[in-house]
Amino acid sequence: MEVLFAANRLLKQNKLIEAAAEYTSVISKLQSRGVPDKRVLSTAYNDRGQCFYLQVEFYKAIEDYTTSLSLDPANPVVLYNRGLVKYRLNNFSEAKQDITQALKLSPDFQDANYCLTAINNAVRCKTSTV
């Protein structure tokens, strides 16, 4: 995935705006090729979604994670990422769906297990205060 190298470097340097712009450029180039490598394109959308998430642009992040999943629906990391954002937005039912699906695909996914516990706790707290 050499095409993502520059964008990944910017993301690791926490240059989120620049990284998002580079991912956008990569996405455009890949799409202009006609039939792009779906795995690379999915990764680019996921990684740009991560940039948006870290900038607290949650709806843009969800949009990119959803596009990534349309290209690679069995990617537990992307399901976890989207579920985490939905959790942060207090959309617990949709968050739980994504995290549960991620765990079906990768039962040992520790962060997803922690997130599912947090979702269940949040739902319990929400229902006990109503």
N, C-alpha and C. Protein backbone atom coordinates (compact mmCIF):
# COMPACT_ATOMS: atom_id res chain seq x y z
N MET A 1 0.82 -1.18 0.00
CA MET A 1 0.00 0.00 0.00
C MET A 1 0.87 1.26 0.00
N GLU A 2 1.79 1.27 -0.91
CA GLU A 2 2.72 2.38 -1.04
C GLU A 2 2.00 3.72 -1.27
N VAL A 3 0.85 3.68 -1.95
CA VAL A 3 0.15 4.93 -2.27
C VAL A 3 -0.30 5.65 -1.00
N LEU A 4 -0.39 4.94 0.10
CA LEU A 4 -0.84 5.54 1.36
C LEU A 4 0.30 6.02 2.25
N PHE A 5 1.54 5.79 1.81
CA PHE A 5 2.70 6.06 2.66
C PHE A 5 2.74 7.50 3.17
N ALA A 6 2.61 8.47 2.29
CA ALA A 6 2.72 9.88 2.68
C ALA A 6 1.59 10.26 3.64
N ALA A 7 0.38 9.82 3.33
CA ALA A 7 -0.76 10.14 4.20
C ALA A 7 -0.59 9.48 5.57
N ASN A 8 -0.14 8.24 5.59
CA ASN A 8 0.07 7.55 6.86
C ASN A 8 1.13 8.25 7.70
N ARG A 9 2.18 8.72 7.05
CA ARG A 9 3.23 9.43 7.76
C ARG A 9 2.68 10.70 8.41
N LEU A 10 1.87 11.44 7.67
CA LEU A 10 1.25 12.66 8.21
C LEU A 10 0.32 12.34 9.38
N LEU A 11 -0.43 11.25 9.26
CA LEU A 11 -1.32 10.84 10.35
C LEU A 11 -0.51 10.51 11.60
N LYS A 12 0.58 9.77 11.43
CA LYS A 12 1.42 9.41 12.58
C LYS A 12 2.05 10.64 13.22
N GLN A 13 2.28 11.69 12.43
CA GLN A 13 2.84 12.94 12.94
C GLN A 13 1.75 13.83 13.54
N ASN A 14 0.51 13.33 13.55
CA ASN A 14 -0.64 14.05 14.08
C ASN A 14 -0.95 15.32 13.28
N LYS A 15 -0.56 15.33 12.01
CA LYS A 15 -0.90 16.43 11.10
C LYS A 15 -2.21 16.04 10.41
N LEU A 16 -3.28 16.18 11.15
CA LEU A 16 -4.55 15.58 10.75
C LEU A 16 -5.17 16.23 9.52
N ILE A 17 -5.11 17.53 9.43
CA ILE A 17 -5.70 18.22 8.27
C ILE A 17 -4.93 17.86 7.00
N GLU A 18 -3.60 17.87 7.10
CA GLU A 18 -2.77 17.51 5.95
C GLU A 18 -2.96 16.05 5.57
N ALA A 19 -3.06 15.18 6.58
CA ALA A 19 -3.26 13.76 6.30
C ALA A 19 -4.59 13.53 5.61
N ALA A 20 -5.64 14.17 6.10
CA ALA A 20 -6.96 14.01 5.48
C ALA A 20 -6.93 14.47 4.03
N ALA A 21 -6.23 15.57 3.76
CA ALA A 21 -6.11 16.06 2.39
C ALA A 21 -5.36 15.06 1.52
N GLU A 22 -4.31 14.46 2.06
CA GLU A 22 -3.55 13.47 1.30
C GLU A 22 -4.38 12.21 1.03
N TYR A 23 -5.14 11.78 2.04
CA TYR A 23 -6.03 10.62 1.81
C TYR A 23 -7.06 10.95 0.75
N THR A 24 -7.58 12.16 0.75
CA THR A 24 -8.55 12.58 -0.26
C THR A 24 -7.92 12.50 -1.65
N SER A 25 -6.69 12.95 -1.76
CA SER A 25 -5.98 12.88 -3.03
C SER A 25 -5.79 11.43 -3.49
N VAL A 26 -5.40 10.57 -2.56
CA VAL A 26 -5.22 9.15 -2.88
C VAL A 26 -6.54 8.53 -3.32
N ILE A 27 -7.62 8.84 -2.61
CA ILE A 27 -8.95 8.31 -2.95
C ILE A 27 -9.32 8.73 -4.37
N SER A 28 -9.13 10.00 -4.69
CA SER A 28 -9.45 10.50 -6.03
C SER A 28 -8.65 9.78 -7.11
N LYS A 29 -7.35 9.62 -6.84
CA LYS A 29 -6.49 8.93 -7.82
C LYS A 29 -6.93 7.48 -8.01
N LEU A 30 -7.22 6.80 -6.90
CA LEU A 30 -7.64 5.40 -7.00
C LEU A 30 -8.96 5.27 -7.76
N GLN A 31 -9.90 6.16 -7.49
CA GLN A 31 -11.20 6.10 -8.16
C GLN A 31 -11.10 6.43 -9.63
N SER A 32 -10.14 7.25 -10.00
CA SER A 32 -10.00 7.62 -11.41
C SER A 32 -9.42 6.49 -12.25
N ARG A 33 -8.92 5.47 -11.61
CA ARG A 33 -8.33 4.33 -12.33
C ARG A 33 -9.37 3.39 -12.92
N GLY A 34 -10.64 3.64 -12.67
CA GLY A 34 -11.67 2.76 -13.20
C GLY A 34 -12.05 1.69 -12.19
N VAL A 35 -11.25 0.66 -12.08
CA VAL A 35 -11.51 -0.42 -11.12
C VAL A 35 -10.37 -0.43 -10.11
N PRO A 36 -10.50 0.37 -9.04
CA PRO A 36 -9.41 0.46 -8.07
C PRO A 36 -9.32 -0.79 -7.20
N ASP A 37 -8.20 -0.95 -6.56
CA ASP A 37 -8.01 -2.01 -5.57
C ASP A 37 -8.91 -1.68 -4.38
N LYS A 38 -9.96 -2.48 -4.20
CA LYS A 38 -10.95 -2.19 -3.16
C LYS A 38 -10.35 -2.18 -1.76
N ARG A 39 -9.38 -3.04 -1.53
CA ARG A 39 -8.77 -3.10 -0.19
C ARG A 39 -8.00 -1.81 0.12
N VAL A 40 -7.25 -1.32 -0.84
CA VAL A 40 -6.49 -0.08 -0.65
C VAL A 40 -7.45 1.10 -0.51
N LEU A 41 -8.48 1.14 -1.34
CA LEU A 41 -9.46 2.22 -1.28
C LEU A 41 -10.20 2.19 0.06
N SER A 42 -10.57 1.00 0.51
CA SER A 42 -11.22 0.86 1.81
C SER A 42 -10.32 1.36 2.93
N THR A 43 -9.04 1.02 2.86
CA THR A 43 -8.08 1.47 3.87
C THR A 43 -7.95 2.99 3.86
N ALA A 44 -7.93 3.58 2.68
CA ALA A 44 -7.81 5.04 2.58
C ALA A 44 -9.02 5.71 3.22
N TYR A 45 -10.22 5.20 2.96
CA TYR A 45 -11.42 5.77 3.58
C TYR A 45 -11.38 5.58 5.10
N ASN A 46 -10.98 4.41 5.56
CA ASN A 46 -10.89 4.17 7.00
C ASN A 46 -9.90 5.14 7.65
N ASP A 47 -8.75 5.30 7.03
CA ASP A 47 -7.72 6.15 7.62
C ASP A 47 -8.11 7.62 7.58
N ARG A 48 -8.78 8.04 6.51
CA ARG A 48 -9.27 9.42 6.50
C ARG A 48 -10.35 9.60 7.56
N GLY A 49 -11.17 8.57 7.74
CA GLY A 49 -12.15 8.60 8.81
C GLY A 49 -11.50 8.77 10.17
N GLN A 50 -10.35 8.13 10.35
CA GLN A 50 -9.61 8.28 11.61
C GLN A 50 -9.16 9.73 11.79
N CYS A 51 -8.71 10.37 10.72
CA CYS A 51 -8.35 11.79 10.80
C CYS A 51 -9.54 12.62 11.25
N PHE A 52 -10.69 12.37 10.65
CA PHE A 52 -11.89 13.11 11.03
C PHE A 52 -12.28 12.83 12.48
N TYR A 53 -12.20 11.57 12.88
CA TYR A 53 -12.53 11.21 14.26
C TYR A 53 -11.63 11.98 15.24
N LEU A 54 -10.35 12.02 14.97
CA LEU A 54 -9.41 12.70 15.86
C LEU A 54 -9.60 14.22 15.87
N GLN A 55 -10.26 14.74 14.84
CA GLN A 55 -10.60 16.16 14.78
C GLN A 55 -12.01 16.41 15.33
N VAL A 56 -12.63 15.38 15.87
CA VAL A 56 -13.98 15.41 16.43
C VAL A 56 -15.00 15.81 15.35
N GLU A 57 -14.76 15.38 14.14
CA GLU A 57 -15.72 15.54 13.04
C GLU A 57 -16.39 14.19 12.86
N PHE A 58 -17.24 13.85 13.82
CA PHE A 58 -17.77 12.50 13.93
C PHE A 58 -18.63 12.08 12.74
N TYR A 59 -19.43 12.98 12.22
CA TYR A 59 -20.31 12.58 11.11
C TYR A 59 -19.52 12.33 9.83
N LYS A 60 -18.47 13.11 9.62
CA LYS A 60 -17.59 12.84 8.47
C LYS A 60 -16.88 11.50 8.66
N ALA A 61 -16.48 11.22 9.89
CA ALA A 61 -15.81 9.94 10.18
C ALA A 61 -16.76 8.78 9.89
N ILE A 62 -18.00 8.88 10.35
CA ILE A 62 -18.98 7.81 10.11
C ILE A 62 -19.18 7.61 8.61
N GLU A 63 -19.26 8.70 7.88
CA GLU A 63 -19.44 8.60 6.42
C GLU A 63 -18.29 7.84 5.77
N ASP A 64 -17.06 8.16 6.17
CA ASP A 64 -15.90 7.47 5.59
C ASP A 64 -15.85 6.01 6.04
N TYR A 65 -16.14 5.73 7.30
CA TYR A 65 -16.14 4.34 7.76
C TYR A 65 -17.21 3.53 7.02
N THR A 66 -18.36 4.15 6.78
CA THR A 66 -19.43 3.45 6.05
C THR A 66 -19.01 3.16 4.62
N THR A 67 -18.36 4.12 3.98
CA THR A 67 -17.85 3.89 2.62
C THR A 67 -16.80 2.79 2.63
N SER A 68 -15.92 2.82 3.61
CA SER A 68 -14.90 1.77 3.73
C SER A 68 -15.56 0.41 3.85
N LEU A 69 -16.60 0.32 4.66
CA LEU A 69 -17.30 -0.96 4.84
C LEU A 69 -18.03 -1.41 3.59
N SER A 70 -18.46 -0.46 2.76
CA SER A 70 -19.11 -0.85 1.50
C SER A 70 -18.12 -1.55 0.57
N LEU A 71 -16.83 -1.24 0.76
CA LEU A 71 -15.77 -1.85 -0.06
C LEU A 71 -15.22 -3.11 0.59
N ASP A 72 -15.27 -3.19 1.90
CA ASP A 72 -14.70 -4.31 2.65
C ASP A 72 -15.59 -4.57 3.88
N PRO A 73 -16.76 -5.19 3.66
CA PRO A 73 -17.75 -5.32 4.74
C PRO A 73 -17.34 -6.21 5.91
N ALA A 74 -16.33 -7.00 5.74
CA ALA A 74 -15.93 -7.93 6.80
C ALA A 74 -14.67 -7.44 7.52
N ASN A 75 -14.49 -6.14 7.59
CA ASN A 75 -13.30 -5.59 8.25
C ASN A 75 -13.66 -5.21 9.68
N PRO A 76 -13.21 -5.99 10.66
CA PRO A 76 -13.60 -5.73 12.05
C PRO A 76 -13.07 -4.40 12.59
N VAL A 77 -11.93 -3.95 12.10
CA VAL A 77 -11.36 -2.69 12.58
C VAL A 77 -12.26 -1.51 12.17
N VAL A 78 -12.73 -1.53 10.94
CA VAL A 78 -13.60 -0.44 10.48
C VAL A 78 -14.93 -0.49 11.21
N LEU A 79 -15.47 -1.68 11.43
CA LEU A 79 -16.71 -1.81 12.21
C LEU A 79 -16.51 -1.26 13.62
N TYR A 80 -15.38 -1.58 14.22
CA TYR A 80 -15.07 -1.05 15.55
C TYR A 80 -14.97 0.47 15.51
N ASN A 81 -14.26 1.01 14.52
CA ASN A 81 -14.10 2.46 14.43
C ASN A 81 -15.44 3.16 14.32
N ARG A 82 -16.31 2.65 13.44
CA ARG A 82 -17.62 3.27 13.27
C ARG A 82 -18.45 3.11 14.54
N GLY A 83 -18.39 1.93 15.16
CA GLY A 83 -19.12 1.71 16.39
C GLY A 83 -18.67 2.63 17.51
N LEU A 84 -17.38 2.87 17.59
CA LEU A 84 -16.83 3.75 18.62
C LEU A 84 -17.35 5.18 18.45
N VAL A 85 -17.40 5.65 17.21
CA VAL A 85 -17.92 7.00 16.96
C VAL A 85 -19.40 7.06 17.33
N LYS A 86 -20.15 6.05 16.96
CA LYS A 86 -21.57 6.04 17.30
C LYS A 86 -21.77 6.01 18.81
N TYR A 87 -20.91 5.30 19.50
CA TYR A 87 -20.94 5.29 20.98
C TYR A 87 -20.68 6.70 21.51
N ARG A 88 -19.69 7.37 20.95
CA ARG A 88 -19.36 8.73 21.39
C ARG A 88 -20.53 9.69 21.14
N LEU A 89 -21.35 9.37 20.14
CA LEU A 89 -22.53 10.19 19.83
C LEU A 89 -23.77 9.73 20.60
N ASN A 90 -23.58 8.79 21.53
CA ASN A 90 -24.68 8.23 22.34
C ASN A 90 -25.71 7.48 21.51
N ASN A 91 -25.30 7.00 20.37
CA ASN A 91 -26.17 6.16 19.54
C ASN A 91 -25.84 4.71 19.88
N PHE A 92 -26.28 4.30 21.06
CA PHE A 92 -25.84 3.03 21.63
C PHE A 92 -26.32 1.80 20.86
N SER A 93 -27.54 1.85 20.32
CA SER A 93 -28.04 0.66 19.62
C SER A 93 -27.24 0.39 18.35
N GLU A 94 -26.96 1.43 17.56
CA GLU A 94 -26.17 1.24 16.35
C GLU A 94 -24.71 0.93 16.68
N ALA A 95 -24.20 1.55 17.73
CA ALA A 95 -22.83 1.26 18.16
C ALA A 95 -22.70 -0.21 18.53
N LYS A 96 -23.68 -0.70 19.27
CA LYS A 96 -23.65 -2.10 19.70
C LYS A 96 -23.70 -3.04 18.50
N GLN A 97 -24.48 -2.70 17.48
CA GLN A 97 -24.54 -3.54 16.27
C GLN A 97 -23.17 -3.64 15.61
N ASP A 98 -22.51 -2.51 15.45
CA ASP A 98 -21.19 -2.52 14.81
C ASP A 98 -20.16 -3.28 15.64
N ILE A 99 -20.14 -3.02 16.93
CA ILE A 99 -19.15 -3.67 17.78
C ILE A 99 -19.41 -5.17 17.86
N THR A 100 -20.67 -5.56 17.96
CA THR A 100 -21.02 -6.98 17.98
C THR A 100 -20.58 -7.67 16.70
N GLN A 101 -20.80 -7.02 15.57
CA GLN A 101 -20.37 -7.59 14.28
C GLN A 101 -18.85 -7.70 14.23
N ALA A 102 -18.15 -6.69 14.72
CA ALA A 102 -16.68 -6.74 14.75
C ALA A 102 -16.22 -7.94 15.57
N LEU A 103 -16.89 -8.18 16.69
CA LEU A 103 -16.50 -9.30 17.56
C LEU A 103 -16.85 -10.65 16.94
N LYS A 104 -17.90 -10.71 16.14
CA LYS A 104 -18.21 -11.96 15.42
C LYS A 104 -17.08 -12.29 14.45
N LEU A 105 -16.55 -11.25 13.82
CA LEU A 105 -15.47 -11.45 12.84
C LEU A 105 -14.12 -11.67 13.51
N SER A 106 -13.95 -11.09 14.69
CA SER A 106 -12.67 -11.17 15.40
C SER A 106 -12.94 -11.25 16.91
N PRO A 107 -13.26 -12.45 17.41
CA PRO A 107 -13.67 -12.61 18.81
C PRO A 107 -12.63 -12.16 19.84
N ASP A 108 -11.37 -12.14 19.48
CA ASP A 108 -10.32 -11.75 20.42
C ASP A 108 -9.96 -10.26 20.33
N PHE A 109 -10.76 -9.48 19.67
CA PHE A 109 -10.51 -8.05 19.47
C PHE A 109 -10.77 -7.34 20.80
N GLN A 110 -9.69 -7.12 21.54
CA GLN A 110 -9.78 -6.63 22.91
C GLN A 110 -10.44 -5.25 23.01
N ASP A 111 -10.06 -4.31 22.15
CA ASP A 111 -10.66 -2.98 22.21
C ASP A 111 -12.17 -3.04 21.95
N ALA A 112 -12.59 -3.91 21.05
CA ALA A 112 -14.01 -4.06 20.77
C ALA A 112 -14.74 -4.64 21.99
N ASN A 113 -14.10 -5.58 22.67
CA ASN A 113 -14.71 -6.12 23.90
C ASN A 113 -14.87 -5.04 24.96
N TYR A 114 -13.85 -4.18 25.13
CA TYR A 114 -13.95 -3.08 26.09
C TYR A 114 -15.07 -2.12 25.69
N CYS A 115 -15.16 -1.84 24.41
CA CYS A 115 -16.18 -0.92 23.92
C CYS A 115 -17.58 -1.48 24.15
N LEU A 116 -17.76 -2.78 23.89
CA LEU A 116 -19.06 -3.40 24.11
C LEU A 116 -19.45 -3.31 25.59
N THR A 117 -18.50 -3.52 26.48
CA THR A 117 -18.77 -3.39 27.91
C THR A 117 -19.19 -1.96 28.24
N ALA A 118 -18.49 -0.98 27.67
CA ALA A 118 -18.83 0.43 27.91
C ALA A 118 -20.22 0.76 27.39
N ILE A 119 -20.57 0.23 26.23
CA ILE A 119 -21.90 0.46 25.66
C ILE A 119 -22.96 -0.12 26.59
N ASN A 120 -22.76 -1.36 27.01
CA ASN A 120 -23.74 -2.00 27.90
C ASN A 120 -23.88 -1.24 29.21
N ASN A 121 -22.77 -0.75 29.75
CA ASN A 121 -22.83 0.05 30.98
C ASN A 121 -23.59 1.36 30.76
N ALA A 122 -23.33 2.00 29.63
CA ALA A 122 -24.01 3.25 29.33
C ALA A 122 -25.51 3.04 29.18
N VAL A 123 -25.88 1.96 28.53
CA VAL A 123 -27.31 1.66 28.35
C VAL A 123 -27.94 1.39 29.72
N ARG A 124 -27.25 0.64 30.58
CA ARG A 124 -27.77 0.37 31.93
C ARG A 124 -27.95 1.66 32.73
N CYS A 125 -26.97 2.54 32.66
CA CYS A 125 -27.05 3.82 33.38
C CYS A 125 -28.19 4.67 32.83
N LYS A 126 -28.33 4.69 31.52
CA LYS A 126 -29.36 5.49 30.88
C LYS A 126 -30.75 5.00 31.27
N THR A 127 -30.93 3.68 31.29
CA THR A 127 -32.25 3.14 31.61
C THR A 127 -32.55 3.23 33.12
N SER A 128 -31.53 3.23 33.96
CA SER A 128 -31.78 3.31 35.40
C SER A 128 -32.09 4.73 35.85
N THR A 129 -31.74 5.73 35.03
CA THR A 129 -32.02 7.11 35.39
C THR A 129 -33.32 7.61 34.78
N VAL A 130 -33.96 6.79 33.97
CA VAL A 130 -35.22 7.22 33.32
C VAL A 130 -36.38 6.95 34.22
